[in-house]
Amino acid sequence: MNEETFNKDTRKFLKKVGITAQREIEKAVWSRIDAGELQGNEQFKASMILEIPELGLRIVIEDDIALE
């Protein structure tokens, strides 16, 4: 195993996940605010599942996201 390649690809994947997830959350929030469905002071429960079937890995990451 090449640890440098493994590290690089893992970080690249996590960066892609983080950037994509943030962008989609922001779009959803702004869309709801623009539609008058949110006030802008809400708090949401969020969860994400990371799954790599070949490794038998499945973890759920949960946290709250506050708008204010």
PDB file of N, CA and C in Angstrom:
ATOM      1  N   MET A   1       0.846  -1.184   0.000  1.00  0.00           N
ATOM      2  CA  MET A   1       0.000   0.000   0.000  1.00  0.00           C
ATOM      3  C   MET A   1       0.886   1.240   0.000  1.00  0.00           C
ATOM      4  N   ASN A   2       0.511   2.202  -0.790  1.00  0.00           N
ATOM      5  CA  ASN A   2       1.225   3.466  -0.823  1.00  0.00           C
ATOM      6  C   ASN A   2       0.466   4.452   0.062  1.00  0.00           C
ATOM      7  N   GLU A   3       1.013   4.717   1.241  1.00  0.00           N
ATOM      8  CA  GLU A   3       0.332   5.579   2.210  1.00  0.00           C
ATOM      9  C   GLU A   3       0.098   6.987   1.686  1.00  0.00           C
ATOM     10  N   GLU A   4       1.019   7.502   0.896  1.00  0.00           N
ATOM     11  CA  GLU A   4       0.869   8.854   0.356  1.00  0.00           C
ATOM     12  C   GLU A   4      -0.336   8.930  -0.591  1.00  0.00           C
ATOM     13  N   THR A   5      -0.465   7.942  -1.468  1.00  0.00           N
ATOM     14  CA  THR A   5      -1.600   7.901  -2.386  1.00  0.00           C
ATOM     15  C   THR A   5      -2.910   7.737  -1.616  1.00  0.00           C
ATOM     16  N   PHE A   6      -2.910   6.820  -0.659  1.00  0.00           N
ATOM     17  CA  PHE A   6      -4.097   6.575   0.159  1.00  0.00           C
ATOM     18  C   PHE A   6      -4.521   7.851   0.893  1.00  0.00           C
ATOM     19  N   ASN A   7      -3.576   8.517   1.518  1.00  0.00           N
ATOM     20  CA  ASN A   7      -3.837   9.766   2.241  1.00  0.00           C
ATOM     21  C   ASN A   7      -4.386  10.837   1.306  1.00  0.00           C
ATOM     22  N   LYS A   8      -3.742  10.986   0.159  1.00  0.00           N
ATOM     23  CA  LYS A   8      -4.143  12.008  -0.810  1.00  0.00           C
ATOM     24  C   LYS A   8      -5.564  11.754  -1.310  1.00  0.00           C
ATOM     25  N   ASP A   9      -5.856  10.514  -1.686  1.00  0.00           N
ATOM     26  CA  ASP A   9      -7.179  10.197  -2.207  1.00  0.00           C
ATOM     27  C   ASP A   9      -8.265  10.302  -1.137  1.00  0.00           C
ATOM     28  N   THR A  10      -7.946   9.922   0.095  1.00  0.00           N
ATOM     29  CA  THR A  10      -8.906  10.053   1.194  1.00  0.00           C
ATOM     30  C   THR A  10      -9.222  11.516   1.446  1.00  0.00           C
ATOM     31  N   ARG A  11      -8.202  12.354   1.495  1.00  0.00           N
ATOM     32  CA  ARG A  11      -8.414  13.790   1.711  1.00  0.00           C
ATOM     33  C   ARG A  11      -9.184  14.415   0.545  1.00  0.00           C
ATOM     34  N   LYS A  12      -8.886  13.996  -0.674  1.00  0.00           N
ATOM     35  CA  LYS A  12      -9.590  14.511  -1.851  1.00  0.00           C
ATOM     36  C   LYS A  12     -11.076  14.152  -1.784  1.00  0.00           C
ATOM     37  N   PHE A  13     -11.372  12.920  -1.404  1.00  0.00           N
ATOM     38  CA  PHE A  13     -12.761  12.487  -1.263  1.00  0.00           C
ATOM     39  C   PHE A  13     -13.473  13.294  -0.181  1.00  0.00           C
ATOM     40  N   LEU A  14     -12.851  13.439   0.982  1.00  0.00           N
ATOM     41  CA  LEU A  14     -13.484  14.173   2.086  1.00  0.00           C
ATOM     42  C   LEU A  14     -13.682  15.648   1.750  1.00  0.00           C
ATOM     43  N   LYS A  15     -12.749  16.230   1.018  1.00  0.00           N
ATOM     44  CA  LYS A  15     -12.905  17.623   0.601  1.00  0.00           C
ATOM     45  C   LYS A  15     -14.095  17.757  -0.344  1.00  0.00           C
ATOM     46  N   LYS A  16     -14.212  16.830  -1.287  1.00  0.00           N
ATOM     47  CA  LYS A  16     -15.332  16.843  -2.230  1.00  0.00           C
ATOM     48  C   LYS A  16     -16.660  16.692  -1.494  1.00  0.00           C
ATOM     49  N   VAL A  17     -16.714  15.777  -0.524  1.00  0.00           N
ATOM     50  CA  VAL A  17     -17.925  15.583   0.277  1.00  0.00           C
ATOM     51  C   VAL A  17     -18.269  16.867   1.025  1.00  0.00           C
ATOM     52  N   GLY A  18     -17.289  17.457   1.685  1.00  0.00           N
ATOM     53  CA  GLY A  18     -17.525  18.659   2.482  1.00  0.00           C
ATOM     54  C   GLY A  18     -18.013  19.835   1.652  1.00  0.00           C
ATOM     55  N   ILE A  19     -17.356  20.085   0.547  1.00  0.00           N
ATOM     56  CA  ILE A  19     -17.721  21.213  -0.317  1.00  0.00           C
ATOM     57  C   ILE A  19     -19.102  20.993  -0.924  1.00  0.00           C
ATOM     58  N   THR A  20     -19.351  19.788  -1.418  1.00  0.00           N
ATOM     59  CA  THR A  20     -20.646  19.489  -2.033  1.00  0.00           C
ATOM     60  C   THR A  20     -21.770  19.579  -1.006  1.00  0.00           C
ATOM     61  N   ALA A  21     -21.565  18.998   0.158  1.00  0.00           N
ATOM     62  CA  ALA A  21     -22.594  19.020   1.197  1.00  0.00           C
ATOM     63  C   ALA A  21     -22.902  20.451   1.638  1.00  0.00           C
ATOM     64  N   GLN A  22     -21.871  21.260   1.860  1.00  0.00           N
ATOM     65  CA  GLN A  22     -22.097  22.639   2.284  1.00  0.00           C
ATOM     66  C   GLN A  22     -22.872  23.411   1.228  1.00  0.00           C
ATOM     67  N   ARG A  23     -22.498  23.248  -0.017  1.00  0.00           N
ATOM     68  CA  ARG A  23     -23.171  23.950  -1.117  1.00  0.00           C
ATOM     69  C   ARG A  23     -24.655  23.565  -1.178  1.00  0.00           C
ATOM     70  N   GLU A  24     -24.949  22.289  -1.065  1.00  0.00           N
ATOM     71  CA  GLU A  24     -26.335  21.821  -1.149  1.00  0.00           C
ATOM     72  C   GLU A  24     -27.164  22.270   0.056  1.00  0.00           C
ATOM     73  N   ILE A  25     -26.572  22.264   1.235  1.00  0.00           N
ATOM     74  CA  ILE A  25     -27.282  22.749   2.431  1.00  0.00           C
ATOM     75  C   ILE A  25     -27.587  24.231   2.278  1.00  0.00           C
ATOM     76  N   GLU A  26     -26.600  25.009   1.849  1.00  0.00           N
ATOM     77  CA  GLU A  26     -26.804  26.449   1.670  1.00  0.00           C
ATOM     78  C   GLU A  26     -27.892  26.721   0.632  1.00  0.00           C
ATOM     79  N   LYS A  27     -27.863  26.006  -0.497  1.00  0.00           N
ATOM     80  CA  LYS A  27     -28.891  26.207  -1.525  1.00  0.00           C
ATOM     81  C   LYS A  27     -30.280  25.897  -0.978  1.00  0.00           C
ATOM     82  N   ALA A  28     -30.415  24.810  -0.226  1.00  0.00           N
ATOM     83  CA  ALA A  28     -31.708  24.424   0.331  1.00  0.00           C
ATOM     84  C   ALA A  28     -32.209  25.467   1.333  1.00  0.00           C
ATOM     85  N   VAL A  29     -31.315  25.949   2.183  1.00  0.00           N
ATOM     86  CA  VAL A  29     -31.710  26.957   3.183  1.00  0.00           C
ATOM     87  C   VAL A  29     -32.128  28.245   2.498  1.00  0.00           C
ATOM     88  N   TRP A  30     -31.311  28.760   1.582  1.00  0.00           N
ATOM     89  CA  TRP A  30     -31.650  30.022   0.916  1.00  0.00           C
ATOM     90  C   TRP A  30     -32.932  29.907   0.103  1.00  0.00           C
ATOM     91  N   SER A  31     -33.148  28.763  -0.511  1.00  0.00           N
ATOM     92  CA  SER A  31     -34.376  28.550  -1.269  1.00  0.00           C
ATOM     93  C   SER A  31     -35.597  28.630  -0.357  1.00  0.00           C
ATOM     94  N   ARG A  32     -35.511  28.021   0.816  1.00  0.00           N
ATOM     95  CA  ARG A  32     -36.616  28.044   1.776  1.00  0.00           C
ATOM     96  C   ARG A  32     -36.816  29.431   2.375  1.00  0.00           C
ATOM     97  N   ILE A  33     -35.719  30.148   2.605  1.00  0.00           N
ATOM     98  CA  ILE A  33     -35.836  31.521   3.120  1.00  0.00           C
ATOM     99  C   ILE A  33     -36.498  32.401   2.068  1.00  0.00           C
ATOM    100  N   ASP A  34     -36.037  32.297   0.822  1.00  0.00           N
ATOM    101  CA  ASP A  34     -36.612  33.096  -0.273  1.00  0.00           C
ATOM    102  C   ASP A  34     -38.097  32.793  -0.481  1.00  0.00           C
ATOM    103  N   ALA A  35     -38.496  31.548  -0.233  1.00  0.00           N
ATOM    104  CA  ALA A  35     -39.898  31.159  -0.404  1.00  0.00           C
ATOM    105  C   ALA A  35     -40.746  31.529   0.818  1.00  0.00           C
ATOM    106  N   GLY A  36     -40.111  32.078   1.846  1.00  0.00           N
ATOM    107  CA  GLY A  36     -40.833  32.456   3.055  1.00  0.00           C
ATOM    108  C   GLY A  36     -41.160  31.280   3.962  1.00  0.00           C
ATOM    109  N   GLU A  37     -40.520  30.148   3.733  1.00  0.00           N
ATOM    110  CA  GLU A  37     -40.787  28.953   4.530  1.00  0.00           C
ATOM    111  C   GLU A  37     -39.902  28.861   5.762  1.00  0.00           C
ATOM    112  N   LEU A  38     -38.844  29.657   5.801  1.00  0.00           N
ATOM    113  CA  LEU A  38     -37.959  29.717   6.965  1.00  0.00           C
ATOM    114  C   LEU A  38     -37.799  31.170   7.390  1.00  0.00           C
ATOM    115  N   GLN A  39     -37.613  31.376   8.671  1.00  0.00           N
ATOM    116  CA  GLN A  39     -37.399  32.716   9.204  1.00  0.00           C
ATOM    117  C   GLN A  39     -35.914  33.095   9.229  1.00  0.00           C
ATOM    118  N   GLY A  40     -35.052  32.092   9.289  1.00  0.00           N
ATOM    119  CA  GLY A  40     -33.615  32.357   9.352  1.00  0.00           C
ATOM    120  C   GLY A  40     -33.044  32.180  10.743  1.00  0.00           C
ATOM    121  N   ASN A  41     -33.873  31.706  11.671  1.00  0.00           N
ATOM    122  CA  ASN A  41     -33.388  31.490  13.037  1.00  0.00           C
ATOM    123  C   ASN A  41     -33.582  30.036  13.475  1.00  0.00           C
ATOM    124  N   GLU A  42     -33.858  29.157  12.528  1.00  0.00           N
ATOM    125  CA  GLU A  42     -34.122  27.755  12.832  1.00  0.00           C
ATOM    126  C   GLU A  42     -32.837  26.985  13.149  1.00  0.00           C
ATOM    127  N   GLN A  43     -33.070  25.794  13.678  1.00  0.00           N
ATOM    128  CA  GLN A  43     -31.991  24.843  13.915  1.00  0.00           C
ATOM    129  C   GLN A  43     -32.455  23.504  13.369  1.00  0.00           C
ATOM    130  N   PHE A  44     -31.554  22.796  12.698  1.00  0.00           N
ATOM    131  CA  PHE A  44     -31.905  21.539  12.069  1.00  0.00           C
ATOM    132  C   PHE A  44     -31.013  20.414  12.566  1.00  0.00           C
ATOM    133  N   LYS A  45     -31.575  19.229  12.635  1.00  0.00           N
ATOM    134  CA  LYS A  45     -30.774  18.037  12.888  1.00  0.00           C
ATOM    135  C   LYS A  45     -30.284  17.547  11.527  1.00  0.00           C
ATOM    136  N   ALA A  46     -29.021  17.256  11.449  1.00  0.00           N
ATOM    137  CA  ALA A  46     -28.443  16.789  10.195  1.00  0.00           C
ATOM    138  C   ALA A  46     -27.725  15.469  10.437  1.00  0.00           C
ATOM    139  N   SER A  47     -27.735  14.632   9.425  1.00  0.00           N
ATOM    140  CA  SER A  47     -26.983  13.381   9.526  1.00  0.00           C
ATOM    141  C   SER A  47     -26.401  13.050   8.149  1.00  0.00           C
ATOM    142  N   MET A  48     -25.318  12.346   8.193  1.00  0.00           N
ATOM    143  CA  MET A  48     -24.661  11.912   6.961  1.00  0.00           C
ATOM    144  C   MET A  48     -24.180  10.476   7.173  1.00  0.00           C
ATOM    145  N   ILE A  49     -24.328   9.684   6.148  1.00  0.00           N
ATOM    146  CA  ILE A  49     -23.872   8.299   6.215  1.00  0.00           C
ATOM    147  C   ILE A  49     -22.652   8.145   5.321  1.00  0.00           C
ATOM    148  N   LEU A  50     -21.597   7.611   5.898  1.00  0.00           N
ATOM    149  CA  LEU A  50     -20.395   7.276   5.129  1.00  0.00           C
ATOM    150  C   LEU A  50     -20.369   5.762   5.019  1.00  0.00           C
ATOM    151  N   GLU A  51     -20.324   5.303   3.780  1.00  0.00           N
ATOM    152  CA  GLU A  51     -20.392   3.864   3.567  1.00  0.00           C
ATOM    153  C   GLU A  51     -19.346   3.434   2.547  1.00  0.00           C
ATOM    154  N   ILE A  52     -18.597   2.421   2.903  1.00  0.00           N
ATOM    155  CA  ILE A  52     -17.667   1.778   1.977  1.00  0.00           C
ATOM    156  C   ILE A  52     -17.920   0.280   2.099  1.00  0.00           C
ATOM    157  N   PRO A  53     -18.825  -0.234   1.263  1.00  0.00           N
ATOM    158  CA  PRO A  53     -19.231  -1.639   1.396  1.00  0.00           C
ATOM    159  C   PRO A  53     -18.068  -2.631   1.370  1.00  0.00           C
ATOM    160  N   GLU A  54     -17.082  -2.374   0.516  1.00  0.00           N
ATOM    161  CA  GLU A  54     -15.958  -3.314   0.397  1.00  0.00           C
ATOM    162  C   GLU A  54     -15.166  -3.437   1.692  1.00  0.00           C
ATOM    163  N   LEU A  55     -15.259  -2.443   2.551  1.00  0.00           N
ATOM    164  CA  LEU A  55     -14.542  -2.479   3.828  1.00  0.00           C
ATOM    165  C   LEU A  55     -15.468  -2.836   4.988  1.00  0.00           C
ATOM    166  N   GLY A  56     -16.753  -3.003   4.698  1.00  0.00           N
ATOM    167  CA  GLY A  56     -17.704  -3.265   5.772  1.00  0.00           C
ATOM    168  C   GLY A  56     -17.870  -2.051   6.676  1.00  0.00           C
ATOM    169  N   LEU A  57     -17.663  -0.863   6.115  1.00  0.00           N
ATOM    170  CA  LEU A  57     -17.726   0.374   6.887  1.00  0.00           C
ATOM    171  C   LEU A  57     -19.033   1.103   6.625  1.00  0.00           C
ATOM    172  N   ARG A  58     -19.712   1.441   7.694  1.00  0.00           N
ATOM    173  CA  ARG A  58     -20.930   2.255   7.602  1.00  0.00           C
ATOM    174  C   ARG A  58     -21.036   3.036   8.901  1.00  0.00           C
ATOM    175  N   ILE A  59     -20.846   4.345   8.822  1.00  0.00           N
ATOM    176  CA  ILE A  59     -20.964   5.184  10.018  1.00  0.00           C
ATOM    177  C   ILE A  59     -21.957   6.305   9.748  1.00  0.00           C
ATOM    178  N   VAL A  60     -22.656   6.693  10.790  1.00  0.00           N
ATOM    179  CA  VAL A  60     -23.603   7.796  10.718  1.00  0.00           C
ATOM    180  C   VAL A  60     -23.030   8.935  11.570  1.00  0.00           C
ATOM    181  N   ILE A  61     -22.951  10.105  10.950  1.00  0.00           N
ATOM    182  CA  ILE A  61     -22.451  11.286  11.640  1.00  0.00           C
ATOM    183  C   ILE A  61     -23.642  12.230  11.795  1.00  0.00           C
ATOM    184  N   GLU A  62     -23.902  12.647  13.032  1.00  0.00           N
ATOM    185  CA  GLU A  62     -25.052  13.494  13.306  1.00  0.00           C
ATOM    186  C   GLU A  62     -24.632  14.741  14.070  1.00  0.00           C
ATOM    187  N   ASP A  63     -25.316  15.835  13.777  1.00  0.00           N
ATOM    188  CA  ASP A  63     -25.071  17.081  14.503  1.00  0.00           C
ATOM    189  C   ASP A  63     -26.213  18.039  14.198  1.00  0.00           C
ATOM    190  N   ASP A  64     -26.217  19.162  14.870  1.00  0.00           N
ATOM    191  CA  ASP A  64     -27.212  20.197  14.626  1.00  0.00           C
ATOM    192  C   ASP A  64     -26.586  21.319  13.810  1.00  0.00           C
ATOM    193  N   ILE A  65     -27.399  21.938  12.960  1.00  0.00           N
ATOM    194  CA  ILE A  65     -26.983  23.105  12.188  1.00  0.00           C
ATOM    195  C   ILE A  65     -27.921  24.245  12.565  1.00  0.00           C
ATOM    196  N   ALA A  66     -27.369  25.299  13.119  1.00  0.00           N
ATOM    197  CA  ALA A  66     -28.163  26.465  13.520  1.00  0.00           C
ATOM    198  C   ALA A  66     -27.966  27.590  12.515  1.00  0.00           C
ATOM    199  N   LEU A  67     -29.046  28.287  12.203  1.00  0.00           N
ATOM    200  CA  LEU A  67     -28.967  29.416  11.286  1.00  0.00           C
ATOM    201  C   LEU A  67     -28.650  30.720  12.005  1.00  0.00           C
ATOM    202  N   GLU A  68     -28.800  30.711  13.304  1.00  0.00           N
ATOM    203  CA  GLU A  68     -28.545  31.935  14.078  1.00  0.00           C
ATOM    204  C   GLU A  68     -27.905  31.587  15.391  1.00  0.00           C
TER     205      GLU A  68
END
